[in-house]
C-alpha atoms as a PDB file:
ATOM      1  CA  MET A   1     -22.295   7.833  16.304  1.00  0.00           C
ATOM      2  CA  ASP A   2     -23.785   4.318  16.416  1.00  0.00           C
ATOM      3  CA  VAL A   3     -22.135   0.941  15.874  1.00  0.00           C
ATOM      4  CA  ASP A   4     -23.043   0.745  12.220  1.00  0.00           C
ATOM      5  CA  TYR A   5     -21.222   3.949  11.468  1.00  0.00           C
ATOM      6  CA  VAL A   6     -18.031   2.862  13.400  1.00  0.00           C
ATOM      7  CA  ILE A   7     -18.068  -0.429  11.434  1.00  0.00           C
ATOM      8  CA  HIS A   8     -18.495   1.547   8.115  1.00  0.00           C
ATOM      9  CA  LEU A   9     -15.629   3.890   9.156  1.00  0.00           C
ATOM     10  CA  GLY A  10     -13.350   0.897  10.091  1.00  0.00           C
ATOM     11  CA  ARG A  11     -14.108  -0.825   6.853  1.00  0.00           C
ATOM     12  CA  HIS A  12     -13.578   2.371   4.750  1.00  0.00           C
ATOM     13  CA  THR A  13     -10.177   2.869   6.555  1.00  0.00           C
ATOM     14  CA  MET A  14      -9.116  -0.691   5.849  1.00  0.00           C
ATOM     15  CA  GLU A  15     -10.102  -0.441   2.221  1.00  0.00           C
ATOM     16  CA  THR A  16      -8.273   2.847   1.753  1.00  0.00           C
ATOM     17  CA  ALA A  17      -5.109   1.370   3.400  1.00  0.00           C
ATOM     18  CA  LEU A  18      -5.288  -1.703   1.111  1.00  0.00           C
ATOM     19  CA  LEU A  19      -5.802   0.486  -1.959  1.00  0.00           C
ATOM     20  CA  ILE A  20      -2.792   2.510  -1.158  1.00  0.00           C
ATOM     21  CA  ALA A  21      -0.504  -0.393  -0.245  1.00  0.00           C
ATOM     22  CA  ALA A  22      -1.650  -2.665  -3.136  1.00  0.00           C
ATOM     23  CA  PRO A  23       0.700  -1.346  -5.906  1.00  0.00           C
ATOM     24  CA  ILE A  24       3.857  -1.575  -3.576  1.00  0.00           C
ATOM     25  CA  LEU A  25       2.825  -4.932  -2.242  1.00  0.00           C
ATOM     26  CA  ILE A  26       2.249  -6.288  -5.806  1.00  0.00           C
ATOM     27  CA  VAL A  27       5.505  -5.020  -7.163  1.00  0.00           C
ATOM     28  CA  CYS A  28       7.366  -6.414  -4.231  1.00  0.00           C
ATOM     29  CA  MET A  29       5.729  -9.718  -4.395  1.00  0.00           C
ATOM     30  CA  ALA A  30       6.417  -9.964  -8.232  1.00  0.00           C
ATOM     31  CA  SER A  31      10.093  -9.071  -7.874  1.00  0.00           C
ATOM     32  CA  GLY A  32      10.489 -11.520  -5.056  1.00  0.00           C
ATOM     33  CA  ILE A  33       8.977 -14.359  -7.021  1.00  0.00           C
ATOM     34  CA  ILE A  34      11.324 -13.499 -10.064  1.00  0.00           C
ATOM     35  CA  VAL A  35      14.413 -13.272  -7.831  1.00  0.00           C
ATOM     36  CA  SER A  36      13.482 -16.552  -6.150  1.00  0.00           C
ATOM     37  CA  LEU A  37      13.173 -18.293  -9.502  1.00  0.00           C
ATOM     38  CA  PHE A  38      16.468 -16.806 -10.655  1.00  0.00           C
ATOM     39  CA  GLN A  39      18.119 -18.058  -7.358  1.00  0.00           C
ATOM     40  CA  THR A  40      16.599 -21.532  -7.793  1.00  0.00           C
ATOM     41  CA  VAL A  41      17.821 -21.798 -11.266  1.00  0.00           C
ATOM     42  CA  THR A  42      21.371 -20.539 -10.603  1.00  0.00           C
ATOM     43  CA  GLN A  43      21.558 -21.933  -7.031  1.00  0.00           C
ATOM     44  CA  ILE A  44      22.828 -18.521  -5.690  1.00  0.00           C
ATOM     45  CA  ARG A  45      21.908 -17.939  -2.083  1.00  0.00           C
ATOM     46  CA  ASP A  46      22.749 -14.306  -1.451  1.00  0.00           C
ATOM     47  CA  MET A  47      20.448 -12.339   0.774  1.00  0.00           C
ATOM     48  CA  THR A  48      21.299  -8.980  -0.706  1.00  0.00           C
ATOM     49  CA  LEU A  49      20.097 -10.199  -4.149  1.00  0.00           C
ATOM     50  CA  THR A  50      16.586 -10.674  -2.722  1.00  0.00           C
ATOM     51  CA  MET A  51      16.483  -7.198  -1.058  1.00  0.00           C
ATOM     52  CA  ALA A  52      17.912  -4.897  -3.691  1.00  0.00           C
ATOM     53  CA  PRO A  53      15.278  -5.510  -6.505  1.00  0.00           C
ATOM     54  CA  LYS A  54      12.477  -5.197  -3.979  1.00  0.00           C
ATOM     55  CA  LEU A  55      13.759  -1.786  -2.663  1.00  0.00           C
ATOM     56  CA  VAL A  56      14.231  -0.581  -6.235  1.00  0.00           C
ATOM     57  CA  GLY A  57      10.890  -1.766  -7.215  1.00  0.00           C
ATOM     58  CA  ALA A  58       9.225  -0.177  -4.222  1.00  0.00           C
ATOM     59  CA  GLY A  59      10.969   3.102  -4.872  1.00  0.00           C
ATOM     60  CA  LEU A  60       9.951   3.138  -8.500  1.00  0.00           C
ATOM     61  CA  THR A  61       6.437   2.209  -7.563  1.00  0.00           C
ATOM     62  CA  ILE A  62       6.226   5.138  -5.056  1.00  0.00           C
ATOM     63  CA  LEU A  63       7.596   7.516  -7.798  1.00  0.00           C
ATOM     64  CA  ILE A  64       5.086   6.338 -10.421  1.00  0.00           C
ATOM     65  CA  PHE A  65       1.979   5.905  -8.129  1.00  0.00           C
ATOM     66  CA  GLY A  66       2.879   8.503  -5.438  1.00  0.00           C
ATOM     67  CA  ASN A  67       0.716  11.162  -6.782  1.00  0.00           C
ATOM     68  CA  TRP A  68      -2.339   8.853  -7.024  1.00  0.00           C
ATOM     69  CA  MET A  69      -1.725   7.518  -3.461  1.00  0.00           C
ATOM     70  CA  LEU A  70      -1.388  10.883  -2.113  1.00  0.00           C
ATOM     71  CA  GLN A  71      -4.666  12.030  -3.723  1.00  0.00           C
ATOM     72  CA  ILE A  72      -6.511   8.972  -2.201  1.00  0.00           C
ATOM     73  CA  LEU A  73      -5.069   9.896   1.199  1.00  0.00           C
ATOM     74  CA  ILE A  74      -6.105  13.437   0.768  1.00  0.00           C
ATOM     75  CA  GLN A  75      -9.610  12.634  -0.215  1.00  0.00           C
ATOM     76  CA  PHE A  76      -9.908  10.098   2.687  1.00  0.00           C
ATOM     77  CA  THR A  77      -8.523  12.653   5.258  1.00  0.00           C
ATOM     78  CA  THR A  78     -10.908  15.382   3.932  1.00  0.00           C
ATOM     79  CA  GLU A  79     -13.918  13.035   4.251  1.00  0.00           C
ATOM     80  CA  ILE A  80     -12.971  12.069   7.800  1.00  0.00           C
ATOM     81  CA  PHE A  81     -12.494  15.712   8.956  1.00  0.00           C
ATOM     82  CA  THR A  82     -15.878  16.602   7.325  1.00  0.00           C
ATOM     83  CA  GLN A  83     -17.471  13.795   9.186  1.00  0.00           C
ATOM     84  CA  VAL A  84     -15.802  14.803  12.483  1.00  0.00           C
ATOM     85  CA  GLN A  85     -16.925  18.360  11.972  1.00  0.00           C
ATOM     86  CA  PHE A  86     -20.525  17.212  11.322  1.00  0.00           C
ATOM     87  CA  TYR A  87     -20.594  15.144  14.502  1.00  0.00           C
ATOM     88  CA  GLY A  88     -18.943  17.804  16.438  1.00  0.00           C
ATOM     89  CA  GLN A  89     -21.723  20.368  16.100  1.00  0.00           C
END
């Protein structure tokens, strides 16, 4: 293993983590902006009002994109184990 491979592996790991987290982060950010706008218009300052839509959105996103996220994780894990096996010989 050389330095270039370690950098490639770290970059691939970060890209995979971002790819998996992106749908949940985008939905939570969008619901947070919508709830903040609603709170600003109505002048309601309730902390539970900000958390409930984010939790529901994150849950629905996991239900919708969960299979895709799992396939990405399985592909990444298989690739890593294959490379470990190659370097172990």
